[in-house]
Amino acid sequence: MGMLFGKPKVSRITDHDRAVLQMKQQRDTLKRYQQRVEKLLESERELAKRLLSENKRDKAKLLLRKKKYQTEQLERTEASLDTIEKLIQDLEYTQIEAKVIEGLKVGNVALKKANELFNIEHIEQLLDETKEGIDKQREITDLLSGALSSEDEEAVEAELNELITVEHQKAMDKLPTVPSDELPVTVPETKEKDNLPTKKIALEAQ
């Protein structure tokens, strides 16, 4: 049905993942067995005590022999658990290492591409062109800032004075014109009534 209505789903579980999962399942099985044996040993120990209290020494001894065998089995189980735990850790660590190596590969490819962009010959050519442009600009700056002959300096000075004279003349032309003729002097007229006191004083003096 999946093939009819679309592409089949691709499983993302790898063989490495399956191996780790199987090891964990075996570990869990051994742990359950270990817990069951530990409970059984405890109960058999209590049973052996009860048989001794009932003077059933042979049965108690047989039970203790069985308990001893199960204890040895339990010790082997614990050793197997330690081995499986170590294998699981090693498998998980190899998976981490694989991811690190893959990351290094990707980084190495990216670094190679970056190095292709920064080709040594291209960089040297770019630096030479930049140095050539700087030297040319410095030469132009030197020419404009004073590295001229005495004749060139005199010509520049003369042109500067000419520009100053022209600008000064333009400024003078914008000032208002001052008339050269003398202005007429206006004498205020003396009114007749202002002379009356003077005439009166003269008559009194006669």
Protein backbone atom coordinates (compact mmCIF):
# COMPACT_ATOMS: atom_id res chain seq x y z
CA MET A 1 0.00 0.00 0.00
CA GLY A 2 2.87 2.36 0.80
CA MET A 3 4.35 1.81 -2.62
CA LEU A 4 1.04 2.71 -4.28
CA PHE A 5 0.49 6.04 -2.52
CA GLY A 6 4.03 7.31 -2.19
CA LYS A 7 7.65 6.51 -1.70
CA PRO A 8 8.51 3.91 0.95
CA LYS A 9 9.77 5.32 4.20
CA VAL A 10 13.51 4.97 4.64
CA SER A 11 14.51 3.71 8.07
CA ARG A 12 16.98 5.92 9.87
CA ILE A 13 18.04 3.09 12.21
CA THR A 14 21.55 1.93 11.33
CA ASP A 15 23.23 -1.43 12.03
CA HIS A 16 25.17 0.31 14.76
CA ASP A 17 21.91 1.40 16.42
CA ARG A 18 20.54 -2.14 16.20
CA ALA A 19 23.68 -3.55 17.81
CA VAL A 20 23.45 -1.09 20.71
CA LEU A 21 19.76 -1.89 21.14
CA GLN A 22 20.41 -5.67 21.26
CA MET A 23 23.15 -5.21 23.83
CA LYS A 24 20.84 -3.12 26.02
CA GLN A 25 18.12 -5.75 25.75
CA GLN A 26 20.58 -8.45 26.87
CA ARG A 27 21.66 -6.25 29.77
CA ASP A 28 18.06 -5.73 30.89
CA THR A 29 17.41 -9.49 30.66
CA LEU A 30 20.43 -10.26 32.83
CA LYS A 31 19.39 -7.62 35.36
CA ARG A 32 15.93 -9.16 35.67
CA TYR A 33 17.52 -12.60 36.12
CA GLN A 34 19.88 -11.18 38.74
CA GLN A 35 17.02 -9.66 40.73
CA ARG A 36 15.05 -12.94 40.58
CA VAL A 37 18.04 -14.98 41.78
CA GLU A 38 18.77 -12.57 44.61
CA LYS A 39 15.19 -12.89 45.88
CA LEU A 40 15.37 -16.68 45.52
CA LEU A 41 18.62 -16.87 47.48
CA GLU A 42 17.15 -14.84 50.29
CA SER A 43 14.07 -17.04 50.50
CA GLU A 44 16.15 -20.25 50.37
CA ARG A 45 18.35 -18.95 53.17
CA GLU A 46 15.28 -18.39 55.33
CA LEU A 47 14.01 -21.84 54.36
CA ALA A 48 17.30 -23.43 55.37
CA LYS A 49 17.06 -21.76 58.79
CA ARG A 50 13.54 -23.15 59.23
CA LEU A 51 14.65 -26.67 58.22
CA LEU A 52 17.44 -26.57 60.77
CA SER A 53 15.01 -25.48 63.43
CA GLU A 54 12.93 -28.57 62.50
CA ASN A 55 16.01 -30.85 62.76
CA LYS A 56 15.97 -31.49 59.04
CA ARG A 57 19.72 -31.03 58.63
CA ASP A 58 20.10 -33.02 55.37
CA LYS A 59 17.41 -31.01 53.60
CA ALA A 60 18.92 -27.76 54.86
CA LYS A 61 22.35 -28.83 53.63
CA LEU A 62 20.97 -29.73 50.20
CA LEU A 63 19.24 -26.40 50.01
CA LEU A 64 22.44 -24.59 50.93
CA ARG A 65 24.30 -26.48 48.18
CA LYS A 66 21.70 -25.27 45.70
CA LYS A 67 22.05 -21.78 47.09
CA LYS A 68 25.84 -21.95 46.64
CA TYR A 69 25.44 -22.93 42.97
CA GLN A 70 22.95 -20.11 42.38
CA THR A 71 25.33 -17.65 44.07
CA GLU A 72 28.07 -18.64 41.65
CA GLN A 73 25.63 -18.16 38.78
CA LEU A 74 24.78 -14.75 40.16
CA GLU A 75 28.47 -13.79 40.25
CA ARG A 76 28.88 -14.87 36.62
CA THR A 77 25.80 -12.83 35.78
CA GLU A 78 27.32 -9.78 37.38
CA ALA A 79 30.52 -10.30 35.36
CA SER A 80 28.45 -10.62 32.18
CA LEU A 81 26.61 -7.41 33.07
CA ASP A 82 29.89 -5.56 33.50
CA THR A 83 31.07 -6.83 30.10
CA ILE A 84 27.83 -5.84 28.39
CA GLU A 85 27.85 -2.39 30.01
CA LYS A 86 31.40 -1.86 28.75
CA LEU A 87 30.43 -2.99 25.25
CA ILE A 88 27.46 -0.62 25.21
CA GLN A 89 29.66 2.29 26.28
CA ASP A 90 32.25 1.39 23.62
CA LEU A 91 29.59 1.18 20.91
CA GLU A 92 28.06 4.50 21.90
CA TYR A 93 31.48 6.12 22.02
CA THR A 94 32.39 4.80 18.57
CA GLN A 95 29.18 6.40 17.31
CA ILE A 96 30.29 9.71 18.79
CA GLU A 97 33.72 9.26 17.24
CA ALA A 98 32.11 8.55 13.87
CA LYS A 99 30.15 11.80 14.10
CA VAL A 100 33.30 13.69 15.06
CA ILE A 101 35.20 12.20 12.11
CA GLU A 102 32.33 13.06 9.77
CA GLY A 103 32.37 16.61 11.09
CA LEU A 104 36.11 16.78 10.49
CA LYS A 105 35.60 15.60 6.92
CA VAL A 106 32.99 18.27 6.28
CA GLY A 107 35.22 20.91 7.85
CA ASN A 108 38.18 19.77 5.77
CA VAL A 109 36.17 20.05 2.55
CA ALA A 110 34.96 23.53 3.53
CA LEU A 111 38.53 24.55 4.37
CA LYS A 112 39.79 23.35 0.99
CA LYS A 113 37.09 25.37 -0.78
CA ALA A 114 38.03 28.43 1.27
CA ASN A 115 41.71 27.94 0.39
CA GLU A 116 40.77 27.77 -3.29
CA LEU A 117 39.15 31.18 -2.96
CA PHE A 118 42.29 32.55 -1.29
CA ASN A 119 44.77 31.44 -3.92
CA ILE A 120 48.32 32.52 -3.04
CA GLU A 121 49.14 33.74 -6.55
CA HIS A 122 45.89 35.69 -6.73
CA ILE A 123 46.55 37.30 -3.35
CA GLU A 124 50.11 38.24 -4.38
CA GLN A 125 48.82 39.76 -7.61
CA LEU A 126 46.18 41.70 -5.70
CA LEU A 127 48.79 43.02 -3.27
CA ASP A 128 51.07 44.07 -6.14
CA GLU A 129 48.21 45.91 -7.86
CA THR A 130 47.31 47.62 -4.60
CA LYS A 131 50.92 48.69 -4.02
CA GLU A 132 51.16 49.99 -7.57
CA GLY A 133 47.99 52.06 -7.08
CA ILE A 134 49.30 53.46 -3.80
CA ASP A 135 52.62 54.41 -5.37
CA LYS A 136 50.88 56.13 -8.26
CA GLN A 137 48.61 58.07 -5.92
CA ARG A 138 51.60 59.12 -3.82
CA GLU A 139 53.35 60.36 -6.98
CA ILE A 140 50.33 62.45 -7.96
CA THR A 141 50.09 63.84 -4.43
CA ASP A 142 53.77 64.79 -4.48
CA LEU A 143 53.34 66.59 -7.77
CA LEU A 144 50.40 68.58 -6.49
CA SER A 145 51.79 69.37 -3.04
CA GLY A 146 55.12 70.95 -3.90
CA ALA A 147 57.47 68.68 -5.75
CA LEU A 148 57.69 71.26 -8.64
CA SER A 149 60.55 73.07 -10.33
CA SER A 150 61.28 76.74 -9.59
CA GLU A 151 59.75 77.81 -12.92
CA ASP A 152 56.59 75.86 -12.13
CA GLU A 153 56.44 77.48 -8.70
CA GLU A 154 56.74 80.98 -10.26
CA ALA A 155 53.98 80.17 -12.73
CA VAL A 156 51.72 78.94 -9.92
CA GLU A 157 52.48 82.06 -7.86
CA ALA A 158 51.73 84.36 -10.81
CA GLU A 159 48.43 82.62 -11.47
CA LEU A 160 47.54 82.91 -7.80
CA ASN A 161 48.27 86.68 -7.77
CA GLU A 162 46.20 87.10 -10.91
CA LEU A 163 43.26 85.34 -9.31
CA ILE A 164 43.60 87.54 -6.21
CA THR A 165 43.62 90.71 -8.34
CA VAL A 166 40.56 89.64 -10.30
CA GLU A 167 38.63 88.78 -7.16
CA HIS A 168 39.64 92.11 -5.56
CA GLN A 169 38.48 94.03 -8.61
CA LYS A 170 35.15 92.21 -8.56
CA ALA A 171 34.69 93.18 -4.93
CA MET A 172 35.48 96.84 -5.65
CA ASP A 173 33.02 96.94 -8.52
CA LYS A 174 30.23 95.88 -6.18
CA LEU A 175 30.79 98.92 -3.85
CA PRO A 176 28.57 102.07 -4.37
CA THR A 177 30.08 105.03 -6.39
CA VAL A 178 31.19 108.12 -4.32
CA PRO A 179 30.46 111.53 -6.07
CA SER A 180 33.57 113.66 -6.78
CA ASP A 181 31.83 117.18 -6.88
CA GLU A 182 31.59 119.35 -3.71
CA LEU A 183 28.23 119.38 -2.04
CA PRO A 184 26.44 122.86 -1.84
CA VAL A 185 26.48 124.52 1.59
CA THR A 186 22.99 125.56 2.76
CA VAL A 187 22.88 128.71 4.97
CA PRO A 188 19.76 128.97 7.11
CA GLU A 189 17.70 132.15 6.53
CA THR A 190 17.40 134.62 9.47
CA LYS A 191 13.84 135.57 10.24
CA GLU A 192 12.89 139.27 10.68
CA LYS A 193 11.58 138.75 14.14
CA ASP A 194 14.93 137.40 15.23
CA ASN A 195 16.54 140.82 14.33
CA LEU A 196 14.08 142.98 16.32
CA PRO A 197 15.79 142.73 19.71
CA THR A 198 19.13 143.68 18.17
CA LYS A 199 17.68 146.86 16.57
CA LYS A 200 16.02 147.82 19.86
CA ILE A 201 19.25 147.55 21.80
CA ALA A 202 21.05 149.75 19.20
CA LEU A 203 18.46 152.55 19.50
CA GLU A 204 18.75 152.57 23.28
CA ALA A 205 22.50 152.99 23.03
CA GLN A 206 22.13 156.24 21.01
